[in-house]
Structure formats: structure tokens, C-alpha cells
Amino acid sequence: MVPKDDSARGRILASLTCDLGRTLARAQSRAWTAGEILGAATLLRPIFQEGEGPLGIAFGQPGWILAALLAAWSSRRQLLLFDPGLKREAEALRRIHPGICIYADTGPSSDGRVSVAEALAASAPAAAPPAWLTLPADDEPFAALLTSASTGENKVIDKLGLQIYRQAEALASMLALPVRSRVLSFVPPCHLLGFFYGLVLPLVLGGETIVATDLTGAAMVELLAKYRPDLVVGTATHYRFLVKSTAKAVIGPSTTVFLSSGAPLDPTVAEAFASRFGTPVRDFYGSTELGGVAFRAWPEPYRAMPGVRWRIDAETACLEVISPWAGGPEGAWLSTDDAAELVGEDGFRLLGRLDHVVKVGGKRFSSVEVEQALRAMPGVAEAAVFPYLRFGEPAIAAVISSEPDAVLDGATARAFLAERLASYKLPRTILVLATLPRGSHDKIDYQALRALFADGEPARER
């Protein structure tokens, strides 16, 4: 008898091969069984075997992404995932890898051959696991993803099998989710949060994933009631929508594990969510480069994930980590580019990006504190605060957007902050925009906002 492989790699392989009729992924009204995913991978494999170098994949459907991964692994091609809805991500890939082959799971063929979309539509379920089926070894590429570019240029981050498998094993143990867990992900699988927690982890758990993106808060609440998932994957924005959509209802208590990552969770949202759903949001901290670093259940401080070591640089307040799934030289301290402060003996509180920490009037503070204060202001939908040079001197700028039917202006916002913050923390400039620009990963595009202040003072100041 062949011994059971209980590693993350072995459990993923078992999910794909043990029951070909079992549904592994859903999106909208489409569902994919293991056999359908293997059948699609069989058709994609010869397409991916043409040429050399990495493959750019603009797939929106989770079943087709799984099929593309299997086809790429067997063809020894590296798969680069990017958002099919963002043209600039495709342009970034072409700058980084000139001549890269890019495929989409929608649209007609452009060169007279059978397109990927047509091949996927024509695929039939596999009757048995194909002989060529393989998963990456620890030292082989698993997938590559783009960073969000919210504070700079997109970068391609390579993930090896070891990085994915080790983190999946740590998460499966830490979250204590049941066997064959059902995961509902509001984050697209082309981003690390949706890819790892919403696509890979369900395979390790032997369960199924439901991917549902670009929804209203009311639609998300309906899906929670319909599927009763064991794990929900979202960003801070998704939980803000859920809180707004349940303002007149108490949903909990719930046995579902709610996970948030990608951006700081607003304290008022976290508190409202816990009271209505009867369970706290598990706020995970990490990045595309480093993977998962730490977690917390609000209002507790962040604590490191199992196997991760951390320290805070005494001079810069920069949080540094050593992680088994972060990549880089083994045992090397890696910068998170975030500032932090110690809480208790084994916890820390994030102060924001290092480039969001400013020194005004001889006192150092983070713009995140000002953002949180602005978000608590009635009528404010979103807020972004960051340091900039005002006539050559460091200062704080704020950009806010309003709720529907709310009327905001800079003077009123500044007066609101003056009642809550020290004078040196008050923004010198406050802009009111219809909406705040967002990049991929659902993050506010600070790079675009900083460009408004490139000359010191924007013309649209109010």
C-alpha cells in the first residue's frame, strides 16, 4: 500500500485526483469538478508547450486558473498571474519580460489558431488523472504574481513550491478549519490574497472554493447565507461594505472564520463587524513579497505566524522578519518597509508604511492615525493621508471622498480633526475628491495621489 502523503503538496494532489466528480471551484453560476479541471489542463498543455519563458495568464475564473497551473507545471513553464481587468498590469509584464506570451480565458482567437478561450470551452472532463500530472517540488516555481504598485512600480514576485506548501501547512493548522472546508473568497485569484487563501488553501483542506468579486455589500451578505462558508477571504473594503449592509441587523453568532488582509482594517469597522456577526475578523498582515507575517483578532496586537521571527529596528522603527516562506537568503532579516512599535512581550502595532511616517515640529508620527480619525468623521467614505513637501518643509496631506448625499469641505474636516488630534498632526492640505484612485489588490493608489502634490500644492485644494 502506498503511504498517504499528508504534506500540503500531497493533499493538493489528492484533491485533484481522488474524486474526479467532486466540485473544487465555483464562480458566479459556473462550477468546476476535478475532472473538468484536469480535462481543461490537458487541452492547455500543448498550447503552453509552444515556446519558452514565462507565461502571462489573464484568467478570471478559478477553475481555469487551476487548469493553467497544472498545464504550466507539466510543461516546465513559469506562470505569471495578473488582473485581466487592468491593462497596466499587462503592460508592466511586457516591460519586465519583453516578448512574454500572454493568454486570456475570454475573447476570440487573434491569429487564426484555436484560442485559449475556445480550447477551454471545448474541453471535456478527464476520465482518469493524466499520467503527466505533477506538482512543483519544493525548489521549483509554483506561480508568480505582481505587486500592487500602490506606492511604486509593479514587480514580479516568484513563489517556489516550498514557500506555498510551508505557509499552507501553517495556516491549515493555525486556523483549525474542518476537513473539506468551504471557502468564500471576495478577492480575485490573480492576487496573492485570493490566490493563496481562496484557491490553494481550499485544495490543501480538501474542500471547495467559491470566488465572488465586484459585489455590493448586500450581495455578499446573500452569499454568506447561501453557502455558509467555513472561511471568508476579503479585504478591509469588503468588511466595510458588509458592515454598512447589516446596519439594522444582527447576523451572529457565526462559526465562520472571517479573514482580512491587504490593507489595515479600520477599528470602527472591526468593532461593528464583531458585534453584528458575533465573531472578530482575523486580520492577517503580510505582502506579496513576504507572504503571511502576522495575525490578530481585533483589538489584540499583531503576533507572528508560526515559524516567523520579527524585530523592530531601534533607529528607524522598521519591522524586519525572518520567515520560512518569504524567500531571500536563508536566515536573513528582511525589511517589511512598515514601521511598528512593540506591544507587550510578543506583539506589535503597525504605524504604517515607512514613507507614511513623518516628522513635523520635531515629533514623529504615522499618517495612519490621521486616516483613522478622518474615517470616523460622518459623511467620509474613504480617506488617504500621507507626508509631502510643502514649500520644502515636511507636512501632511489628506484626500477624502464623501458618502452619497454628504457634503464635505476641507475646513470642516480640519475642524473635526482639531478636536481629536494634536495640532502638529493636522493636515496642511485637504482635498475632497469624488472617489479615491485604486490600484490592483483593492488598495488606494497613493502613487497617483502623491502626483497631485508633486509641485507642493494642488490646484484643487478646498
Protein backbone atom coordinates (compact mmCIF):
# COMPACT_ATOMS: atom_id res chain seq x y z
CA MET A 1 0.00 0.00 0.00
CA VAL A 2 1.31 3.46 -0.92
CA PRO A 3 1.61 5.57 2.27
CA LYS A 4 -0.62 8.62 2.43
CA ASP A 5 1.20 11.87 1.74
CA ASP A 6 -0.15 14.30 4.36
CA SER A 7 2.03 17.20 3.23
CA ALA A 8 0.41 20.23 1.60
CA ARG A 9 1.67 19.02 -1.79
CA GLY A 10 0.21 15.57 -1.20
CA ARG A 11 -3.14 16.96 -0.08
CA ILE A 12 -3.41 19.21 -3.16
CA LEU A 13 -2.70 16.22 -5.38
CA ALA A 14 -5.33 14.18 -3.53
CA SER A 15 -7.94 16.92 -4.01
CA LEU A 16 -7.31 16.84 -7.75
CA THR A 17 -7.26 13.05 -8.25
CA CYS A 18 -9.22 11.16 -5.58
CA ASP A 19 -12.74 12.06 -6.74
CA LEU A 20 -12.94 13.50 -10.25
CA GLY A 21 -16.65 14.20 -9.89
CA ARG A 22 -16.28 16.44 -6.85
CA THR A 23 -16.67 20.20 -7.29
CA LEU A 24 -13.48 22.08 -6.40
CA ALA A 25 -14.29 25.62 -7.57
CA ARG A 26 -17.28 27.86 -8.24
CA ALA A 27 -17.69 31.35 -9.67
CA GLN A 28 -20.97 33.05 -10.45
CA SER A 29 -23.16 30.31 -11.98
CA ARG A 30 -20.20 28.14 -13.12
CA ALA A 31 -18.80 25.16 -11.20
CA TRP A 32 -15.73 23.03 -11.97
CA THR A 33 -15.19 19.44 -10.91
CA ALA A 34 -11.73 17.96 -10.52
CA GLY A 35 -12.28 16.03 -13.78
CA GLU A 36 -13.22 19.21 -15.66
CA ILE A 37 -10.12 20.99 -14.39
CA LEU A 38 -7.89 18.08 -15.43
CA GLY A 39 -9.62 17.91 -18.83
CA ALA A 40 -9.03 21.62 -19.43
CA ALA A 41 -5.40 21.28 -18.35
CA THR A 42 -4.98 18.50 -20.92
CA LEU A 43 -6.07 20.87 -23.71
CA LEU A 44 -3.98 23.77 -22.41
CA ARG A 45 -0.80 21.68 -22.07
CA PRO A 46 0.19 21.56 -25.78
CA ILE A 47 -0.57 25.27 -26.13
CA PHE A 48 1.73 26.08 -23.22
CA GLN A 49 4.46 23.78 -24.54
CA GLU A 50 4.94 26.05 -27.56
CA GLY A 51 7.85 28.40 -26.97
CA GLU A 52 9.96 29.13 -23.92
CA GLY A 53 10.00 31.50 -20.98
CA PRO A 54 7.22 32.58 -18.60
CA LEU A 55 3.52 32.61 -19.43
CA GLY A 56 1.32 35.58 -18.61
CA ILE A 57 -2.16 34.45 -17.58
CA ALA A 58 -5.09 36.89 -17.51
CA PHE A 59 -7.67 34.41 -16.26
CA GLY A 60 -10.62 35.46 -14.16
CA GLN A 61 -12.17 32.05 -13.48
CA PRO A 62 -10.78 29.90 -10.64
CA GLY A 63 -11.29 26.59 -12.43
CA TRP A 64 -9.37 27.77 -15.47
CA ILE A 65 -6.57 29.17 -13.29
CA LEU A 66 -6.15 25.76 -11.66
CA ALA A 67 -6.10 24.13 -15.11
CA ALA A 68 -3.49 26.65 -16.32
CA LEU A 69 -1.29 25.95 -13.31
CA LEU A 70 -1.36 22.19 -13.95
CA ALA A 71 -0.60 22.66 -17.66
CA ALA A 72 2.25 25.08 -16.94
CA TRP A 73 3.81 22.85 -14.26
CA SER A 74 3.85 19.85 -16.58
CA SER A 75 5.36 21.99 -19.36
CA ARG A 76 8.02 23.38 -17.01
CA ARG A 77 6.84 26.92 -17.74
CA GLN A 78 6.55 29.62 -15.10
CA LEU A 79 3.04 31.05 -14.73
CA LEU A 80 2.64 34.79 -14.07
CA LEU A 81 -0.85 35.73 -12.87
CA PHE A 82 -2.21 39.22 -13.40
CA ASP A 83 -5.55 41.00 -13.28
CA PRO A 84 -7.47 40.63 -16.57
CA GLY A 85 -9.31 43.87 -15.82
CA LEU A 86 -6.19 46.03 -15.51
CA LYS A 87 -4.45 46.92 -18.78
CA ARG A 88 -1.50 48.44 -16.94
CA GLU A 89 -0.62 45.08 -15.37
CA ALA A 90 -0.26 43.52 -18.83
CA GLU A 91 1.89 46.49 -19.84
CA ALA A 92 4.03 46.03 -16.71
CA LEU A 93 4.58 42.35 -17.54
CA ARG A 94 5.71 43.24 -21.06
CA ARG A 95 8.19 45.77 -19.66
CA ILE A 96 9.59 43.24 -17.22
CA HIS A 97 9.54 40.29 -19.66
CA PRO A 98 9.71 41.58 -23.26
CA GLY A 99 8.18 39.07 -25.65
CA ILE A 100 6.21 37.25 -22.95
CA CYS A 101 3.31 35.08 -24.16
CA ILE A 102 0.08 36.35 -22.62
CA TYR A 103 -3.13 34.33 -22.63
CA ALA A 104 -6.69 35.16 -21.58
CA ASP A 105 -9.63 32.87 -20.82
CA THR A 106 -12.04 35.12 -22.74
CA GLY A 107 -12.18 36.58 -26.23
CA PRO A 108 -11.73 35.20 -29.77
CA SER A 109 -8.53 33.95 -31.33
CA SER A 110 -6.38 36.73 -32.79
CA ASP A 111 -4.09 34.66 -35.00
CA GLY A 112 -6.38 32.12 -36.68
CA ARG A 113 -5.49 29.30 -34.29
CA VAL A 114 -7.78 27.88 -31.65
CA SER A 115 -7.74 30.39 -28.80
CA VAL A 116 -7.34 29.50 -25.16
CA ALA A 117 -10.96 30.53 -24.57
CA GLU A 118 -12.13 28.22 -27.37
CA ALA A 119 -9.99 25.37 -26.08
CA LEU A 120 -11.39 25.75 -22.59
CA ALA A 121 -14.96 25.83 -23.89
CA ALA A 122 -14.34 22.62 -25.86
CA SER A 123 -12.69 20.71 -23.03
CA ALA A 124 -14.30 17.56 -21.64
CA PRO A 125 -13.87 16.10 -18.14
CA ALA A 126 -10.95 13.72 -17.71
CA ALA A 127 -11.95 10.10 -17.08
CA ALA A 128 -8.78 9.48 -15.07
CA PRO A 129 -5.85 11.53 -13.76
CA PRO A 130 -3.42 12.07 -16.68
CA ALA A 131 -0.06 10.35 -16.50
CA TRP A 132 1.76 13.67 -16.89
CA LEU A 133 0.14 15.25 -13.82
CA THR A 134 2.74 16.69 -11.46
CA LEU A 135 3.07 19.39 -8.83
CA PRO A 136 6.16 21.56 -8.29
CA ALA A 137 8.86 20.26 -5.98
CA ASP A 138 9.99 22.46 -3.08
CA ASP A 139 12.67 24.17 -5.19
CA GLU A 140 10.54 24.59 -8.34
CA PRO A 141 8.39 27.60 -9.35
CA PHE A 142 4.80 27.41 -8.14
CA ALA A 143 3.50 30.71 -9.51
CA ALA A 144 4.47 34.36 -9.83
CA LEU A 145 2.32 37.37 -9.03
CA LEU A 146 2.52 41.14 -9.43
CA THR A 147 2.78 43.53 -6.52
CA SER A 148 0.02 46.10 -6.22
CA ALA A 149 2.12 49.13 -7.29
CA SER A 150 0.19 51.30 -4.83
CA THR A 151 3.42 53.04 -3.81
CA GLY A 152 5.67 52.36 -6.81
CA GLU A 153 6.13 50.23 -9.93
CA ASN A 154 4.74 46.72 -10.31
CA LYS A 155 7.21 43.97 -9.50
CA VAL A 156 7.03 40.26 -10.31
CA ILE A 157 7.32 38.11 -7.19
CA ASP A 158 8.24 34.46 -7.72
CA LYS A 159 6.87 31.84 -5.33
CA LEU A 160 8.55 28.44 -5.01
CA GLY A 161 6.74 25.27 -4.03
CA LEU A 162 8.36 25.34 -0.60
CA GLN A 163 7.05 28.84 0.14
CA ILE A 164 3.47 27.90 -0.75
CA TYR A 165 3.47 24.46 0.90
CA ARG A 166 5.01 25.59 4.20
CA GLN A 167 2.65 28.53 4.59
CA ALA A 168 -0.38 26.40 3.67
CA GLU A 169 0.52 23.82 6.31
CA ALA A 170 0.99 26.55 8.94
CA LEU A 171 -2.35 28.20 8.08
CA ALA A 172 -4.31 24.94 7.98
CA SER A 173 -3.08 24.14 11.48
CA MET A 174 -3.47 27.65 12.89
CA LEU A 175 -7.00 28.27 11.62
CA ALA A 176 -8.18 24.79 12.66
CA LEU A 177 -10.64 24.63 9.78
CA PRO A 178 -12.63 21.42 9.22
CA VAL A 179 -11.80 18.85 6.57
CA ARG A 180 -13.38 19.71 3.21
CA SER A 181 -13.83 23.33 4.22
CA ARG A 182 -15.88 25.63 2.02
CA VAL A 183 -14.06 28.89 1.31
CA LEU A 184 -15.80 32.03 0.03
CA SER A 185 -13.34 34.50 -1.47
CA PHE A 186 -14.32 38.05 -2.38
CA VAL A 187 -10.78 38.61 -3.73
CA PRO A 188 -9.80 37.64 -7.32
CA PRO A 189 -7.43 34.64 -7.50
CA CYS A 190 -4.98 36.64 -9.63
CA HIS A 191 -3.91 38.47 -6.43
CA LEU A 192 -1.89 36.76 -3.69
CA LEU A 193 -4.65 37.05 -1.07
CA GLY A 194 -7.24 35.44 -3.34
CA PHE A 195 -4.72 33.04 -4.85
CA PHE A 196 -3.31 31.62 -1.63
CA TYR A 197 -6.24 31.79 0.80
CA GLY A 198 -9.01 31.50 -1.79
CA LEU A 199 -7.54 28.95 -4.21
CA VAL A 200 -4.57 27.00 -2.81
CA LEU A 201 -5.68 26.64 0.83
CA PRO A 202 -9.07 25.04 -0.06
CA LEU A 203 -7.18 22.37 -2.05
CA VAL A 204 -4.94 21.68 0.94
CA LEU A 205 -8.06 21.39 3.11
CA GLY A 206 -9.69 19.05 0.62
CA GLY A 207 -12.57 21.47 0.19
CA GLU A 208 -14.03 23.80 -2.40
CA THR A 209 -13.70 27.49 -3.19
CA ILE A 210 -16.37 29.97 -4.23
CA VAL A 211 -14.94 33.10 -5.87
CA ALA A 212 -17.29 36.08 -5.99
CA THR A 213 -15.83 39.50 -6.82
CA ASP A 214 -17.08 43.03 -7.54
CA LEU A 215 -20.20 42.60 -5.41
CA THR A 216 -22.30 45.00 -3.38
CA GLY A 217 -22.43 44.52 0.37
CA ALA A 218 -25.99 43.18 0.10
CA ALA A 219 -24.91 40.58 -2.47
CA MET A 220 -22.05 39.47 -0.21
CA VAL A 221 -24.48 39.03 2.69
CA GLU A 222 -26.70 36.87 0.44
CA LEU A 223 -23.76 34.62 -0.46
CA LEU A 224 -22.85 34.20 3.20
CA ALA A 225 -26.37 32.96 3.88
CA LYS A 226 -26.43 30.75 0.77
CA TYR A 227 -23.11 28.92 1.19
CA ARG A 228 -22.46 29.18 4.97
CA PRO A 229 -18.69 29.04 4.36
CA ASP A 230 -16.11 27.86 6.87
CA LEU A 231 -13.72 30.61 5.77
CA VAL A 232 -14.32 34.02 4.18
CA VAL A 233 -11.47 35.85 2.46
CA GLY A 234 -11.75 39.62 2.00
CA THR A 235 -10.06 42.98 2.25
CA ALA A 236 -10.79 45.84 4.62
CA THR A 237 -13.08 47.33 1.96
CA HIS A 238 -15.20 44.18 1.81
CA TYR A 239 -15.76 44.25 5.57
CA ARG A 240 -16.70 47.91 5.40
CA PHE A 241 -19.36 47.00 2.80
CA LEU A 242 -20.61 44.13 4.97
CA VAL A 243 -20.92 46.40 8.00
CA LYS A 244 -22.87 49.01 6.02
CA SER A 245 -25.20 46.37 4.59
CA THR A 246 -26.02 44.93 8.02
CA ALA A 247 -26.51 48.21 9.90
CA LYS A 248 -30.01 47.21 11.02
CA ALA A 249 -29.40 43.52 11.65
CA VAL A 250 -27.51 41.20 13.97
CA ILE A 251 -26.16 38.29 11.92
CA GLY A 252 -24.19 36.31 14.51
CA PRO A 253 -23.12 34.35 16.31
CA SER A 254 -21.18 32.72 13.47
CA THR A 255 -18.77 29.78 13.34
CA THR A 256 -17.27 31.13 10.11
CA VAL A 257 -13.67 32.33 10.18
CA PHE A 258 -13.52 35.80 8.60
CA LEU A 259 -10.10 36.75 7.27
CA SER A 260 -8.97 40.21 6.16
CA SER A 261 -5.69 41.27 4.60
CA GLY A 262 -4.21 43.62 2.03
CA ALA A 263 -4.83 46.87 3.93
CA PRO A 264 -5.31 47.89 7.58
CA LEU A 265 -8.73 47.07 9.00
CA ASP A 266 -10.49 50.19 10.26
CA PRO A 267 -11.09 49.91 14.05
CA THR A 268 -14.69 51.14 13.80
CA VAL A 269 -15.43 48.57 11.10
CA ALA A 270 -13.78 45.80 13.12
CA GLU A 271 -15.82 46.64 16.22
CA ALA A 272 -19.11 46.91 14.32
CA PHE A 273 -18.47 43.65 12.50
CA ALA A 274 -17.71 41.73 15.70
CA SER A 275 -20.89 42.98 17.36
CA ARG A 276 -23.12 42.06 14.40
CA PHE A 277 -21.58 38.77 13.33
CA GLY A 278 -20.65 37.54 16.80
CA THR A 279 -17.03 36.85 15.85
CA PRO A 280 -13.97 39.02 15.22
CA VAL A 281 -12.27 39.47 11.88
CA ARG A 282 -8.90 37.73 11.73
CA ASP A 283 -6.67 40.49 10.42
CA PHE A 284 -3.64 39.00 8.62
CA TYR A 285 -0.60 41.12 7.87
CA GLY A 286 1.79 40.34 5.05
CA SER A 287 2.72 41.22 1.48
CA THR A 288 3.16 39.66 -1.93
CA GLU A 289 6.92 39.66 -1.34
CA LEU A 290 6.94 38.19 2.18
CA GLY A 291 3.73 36.19 2.32
CA GLY A 292 1.96 35.98 5.68
CA VAL A 293 3.83 37.63 8.56
CA ALA A 294 1.45 38.08 11.50
CA PHE A 295 -2.20 37.96 12.53
CA ARG A 296 -4.57 39.32 15.12
CA ALA A 297 -8.20 39.30 16.19
CA TRP A 298 -9.08 42.95 16.76
CA PRO A 299 -8.33 44.67 19.14
CA GLU A 300 -5.39 42.41 20.03
CA PRO A 301 -1.90 43.35 18.76
CA TYR A 302 -0.34 41.50 15.85
CA ARG A 303 1.53 38.31 16.70
CA ALA A 304 3.85 36.44 14.37
CA MET A 305 2.68 33.41 12.44
CA PRO A 306 4.26 30.09 13.49
CA GLY A 307 7.85 29.91 12.25
CA VAL A 308 8.18 33.68 11.64
CA ARG A 309 10.65 35.76 13.66
CA TRP A 310 10.49 39.54 13.88
CA ARG A 311 12.24 42.56 15.32
CA ILE A 312 11.88 46.33 15.23
CA ASP A 313 14.89 48.41 14.23
CA ALA A 314 15.62 50.79 17.11
CA GLU A 315 16.67 53.67 14.85
CA THR A 316 14.12 53.55 12.02
CA ALA A 317 11.23 51.67 13.74
CA CYS A 318 11.20 49.40 10.67
CA LEU A 319 9.67 45.95 11.16
CA GLU A 320 12.00 43.20 9.94
CA VAL A 321 11.27 39.49 9.64
CA ILE A 322 12.81 36.08 9.03
CA SER A 323 10.22 33.76 7.50
CA PRO A 324 10.33 30.23 6.07
CA TRP A 325 8.16 31.34 3.13
CA ALA A 326 9.43 34.87 2.49
CA GLY A 327 12.18 33.98 0.06
CA GLY A 328 15.59 35.66 0.12
CA PRO A 329 18.75 34.27 1.73
CA GLU A 330 18.00 31.75 4.47
CA GLY A 331 18.22 33.31 7.92
CA ALA A 332 18.45 36.88 6.56
CA TRP A 333 16.43 39.69 8.11
CA LEU A 334 14.09 41.19 5.51
CA SER A 335 12.55 44.65 5.68
CA THR A 336 8.76 44.95 5.55
CA ASP A 337 9.03 48.68 4.74
CA ASP A 338 6.50 49.22 7.54
CA ALA A 339 7.02 50.99 10.85
CA ALA A 340 5.89 49.28 14.05
CA GLU A 341 6.06 49.54 17.83
CA LEU A 342 6.27 46.85 20.49
CA VAL A 343 3.10 45.92 22.41
CA GLY A 344 3.63 43.70 25.44
CA GLU A 345 6.27 40.99 25.20
CA ASP A 346 5.37 39.32 21.91
CA GLY A 347 3.09 41.66 19.95
CA PHE A 348 3.39 44.74 17.81
CA ARG A 349 1.24 47.53 16.41
CA LEU A 350 1.70 48.80 12.87
CA LEU A 351 2.34 52.51 12.40
CA GLY A 352 2.07 52.45 8.61
CA ARG A 353 4.50 52.47 5.71
CA LEU A 354 7.89 53.95 6.49
CA ASP A 355 7.21 56.57 3.85
CA HIS A 356 3.97 57.39 5.72
CA VAL A 357 5.87 58.20 8.91
CA VAL A 358 6.67 61.90 9.10
CA LYS A 359 8.49 64.21 11.48
CA VAL A 360 6.72 67.55 11.95
CA GLY A 361 7.72 70.09 14.55
CA GLY A 362 10.38 67.71 15.83
CA LYS A 363 7.81 64.97 16.58
CA ARG A 364 7.47 61.69 14.70
CA PHE A 365 4.09 60.07 13.99
CA SER A 366 2.29 57.97 11.37
CA SER A 367 -0.26 59.28 8.90
CA VAL A 368 -2.33 56.14 9.59
CA GLU A 369 -3.53 57.72 12.85
CA VAL A 370 -4.84 60.72 10.90
CA GLU A 371 -6.50 58.43 8.33
CA GLN A 372 -8.36 56.56 11.06
CA ALA A 373 -9.55 59.81 12.60
CA LEU A 374 -10.86 61.04 9.24
CA ARG A 375 -12.69 57.78 8.55
CA ALA A 376 -14.60 58.29 11.79
CA MET A 377 -15.97 61.62 10.51
CA PRO A 378 -19.65 61.48 9.50
CA GLY A 379 -20.04 61.59 5.73
CA VAL A 380 -16.49 60.43 4.92
CA ALA A 381 -16.42 57.35 2.67
CA GLU A 382 -12.66 56.99 2.28
CA ALA A 383 -9.54 58.79 3.45
CA ALA A 384 -5.88 58.73 2.47
CA VAL A 385 -3.21 60.64 4.37
CA PHE A 386 0.49 60.87 3.53
CA PRO A 387 3.52 63.12 4.01
CA TYR A 388 4.68 65.52 1.33
CA LEU A 389 6.94 68.52 0.98
CA ARG A 390 5.06 71.82 1.30
CA PHE A 391 7.30 74.65 0.12
CA GLY A 392 10.29 72.49 1.04
CA GLU A 393 9.06 71.57 4.55
CA PRO A 394 7.58 68.21 5.63
CA ALA A 395 3.81 68.29 6.05
CA ILE A 396 0.76 66.03 5.95
CA ALA A 397 -1.78 65.95 3.12
CA ALA A 398 -5.22 64.34 3.24
CA VAL A 399 -7.56 63.30 0.44
CA ILE A 400 -11.12 62.30 1.27
CA SER A 401 -14.24 61.22 -0.58
CA SER A 402 -17.82 61.58 0.64
CA GLU A 403 -20.71 59.24 1.23
CA PRO A 404 -23.69 59.66 -1.12
CA ASP A 405 -25.62 62.87 -0.37
CA ALA A 406 -22.95 64.05 2.09
CA VAL A 407 -21.33 67.47 1.65
CA LEU A 408 -17.71 67.79 2.75
CA ASP A 409 -15.09 70.50 2.60
CA GLY A 410 -11.53 70.82 3.81
CA ALA A 411 -12.26 73.38 6.51
CA THR A 412 -14.92 71.22 8.14
CA ALA A 413 -12.65 68.16 8.03
CA ARG A 414 -9.78 70.11 9.56
CA ALA A 415 -12.02 71.37 12.38
CA PHE A 416 -13.17 67.79 13.04
CA LEU A 417 -9.55 66.62 13.34
CA ALA A 418 -8.54 69.56 15.53
CA GLU A 419 -10.88 68.27 18.25
CA ARG A 420 -9.20 64.86 18.22
CA LEU A 421 -5.54 65.24 17.29
CA ALA A 422 -2.56 67.30 18.36
CA SER A 423 -2.00 70.39 16.22
CA TYR A 424 1.21 69.07 14.66
CA LYS A 425 -0.74 66.07 13.26
CA LEU A 426 -3.25 68.19 11.35
CA PRO A 427 -3.02 68.06 7.53
CA ARG A 428 -1.89 71.31 5.96
CA THR A 429 -3.83 70.44 2.81
CA ILE A 430 -7.14 68.55 2.49
CA LEU A 431 -8.60 67.64 -0.89
CA VAL A 432 -12.13 66.38 -1.46
CA LEU A 433 -12.45 64.10 -4.49
CA ALA A 434 -15.44 62.22 -5.85
CA THR A 435 -13.58 58.91 -5.42
CA LEU A 436 -10.07 57.92 -4.42
CA PRO A 437 -7.98 56.20 -7.11
CA ARG A 438 -7.42 52.49 -6.51
CA GLY A 439 -4.85 50.15 -7.94
CA SER A 440 -4.91 46.39 -8.07
CA HIS A 441 -5.42 44.40 -4.85
CA ASP A 442 -8.16 46.90 -3.91
CA LYS A 443 -5.60 49.28 -2.40
CA ILE A 444 -5.72 53.06 -2.53
CA ASP A 445 -3.25 54.27 -5.15
CA TYR A 446 -1.00 56.53 -3.08
CA GLN A 447 1.33 56.96 -6.03
CA ALA A 448 -1.45 58.64 -8.02
CA LEU A 449 -2.39 60.80 -5.03
CA ARG A 450 1.19 61.89 -4.40
CA ALA A 451 1.37 63.01 -8.04
CA LEU A 452 -1.28 65.62 -7.24
CA PHE A 453 1.17 67.19 -4.80
CA ALA A 454 4.28 66.96 -6.95
CA ASP A 455 4.57 70.76 -7.15
CA GLY A 456 3.89 71.34 -3.47
CA GLU A 457 0.24 72.43 -3.55
CA PRO A 458 -2.53 71.02 -5.79
CA ALA A 459 -4.76 73.44 -7.66
CA ARG A 460 -7.88 71.63 -6.44
CA GLU A 461 -7.38 72.31 -2.76
CA ARG A 462 -10.64 73.03 -0.89
